[in-house]
Amino acid sequence: MSAELDHALILERLGDSHEQRLIDALKRLEERVVRIVATAPLDDGRLFDLEWAINARTQIQSVLEQDYLGQVQSIIEGYDEAVDAAKIMLGKYGIFAEVEPEIIRNLKRLSFQGFEAIGVEYLDVLANEVYQNTISGRPIDESIKTIRHAINGVYIESDSAEAEKLVNIAKNGSPEEQEEAIDKLHRYYARDKIGRNLRRYATQMSRDSLMQFNASLTVATGKKIGATKWKYYGSIVQDSRDWCLAHAGRTMTEDQIREEWAENDWQGKAPGDPFIVRGGYNCQHHFRPSIRGQ
């Protein structure tokens, strides 16, 4: 196997690990937030105490910082493994320049800020949900259900083994498997899935953040050695995007890349620099500097 594909597989493995760690952290977060809501004073099973609701925001913020941002920080500290892998891969193609440690620290900081912005958004979502439910006197069971939705999306309690199996697929399956499972939950079990939730955005970012960190590092190395050509590499899979299908394996100049990027659109194309965002959200392809035809 080529050095570039070895490197791509290392990144995919890291991405899988990071995603699972975030999923586990968000499960813990969900249970801790639910326990906070369960302490609310009730009037006939309904929320009513606005002072408690205001103070609950501080408690939710604390557990979000511990379970979500704490795990994010640990994941980003592990980006050093991606740095080492990139050095090895580039070295096998005769590229030995290193990126300054300060640049790596800044790239990590930028990655953390992306996750942090999602955390701030969902702190508002959760705290506002609690406050609004308290104003309206919503039953606590319904409030807890919406809290679970906002964090992890799928909510179900059932003694049906088939339903539980579908929920597991909806959480952990491939995109196609998830879509089919969610459709069955809707049609046969009257279960729900909320599209906007912390898990959806955080797990997508867990992969995109790593891949964009690696892209920034690799491009910075290429610029440092004055690379004039770049190879686009990575495995073609069933749902590879048009850009990746057309360009995987090609070696191009920077002008070619930018020109073709500007002239084409495809589903899933992300805003930003083509060297960094590549094929778009959740893309597993990469650019590397090419020297001496390698």
Foldseek 3Di string as FASTA:
>chain_A
DALVQVLLVVLVVLLVVLLVLQVVLLVVLLVQLLVLLVPADADVQWAADLVSLVVSLVVSLVSCCVRHLVSLLVSLVVLVVSQVSLCVSVVVQVQRDADDPVVLVVLSVVLSVVLVVLSVVLSCVLSVLSNVRNVVRPRSVVSSVVSCCQAQFWDDDDPDPLLVVLVVCLRDNDPVSVVVSQVCCVPPVVTGGDPHHSSVVVSLSSSLSSQLSSLVRQVVSCVVVPFFKKAKADDDDPPQWPQCVVGHGDIGGPVVQVVVVVVDDTPQQDDDDCSRQPSHGPDSMHIHGHDPND
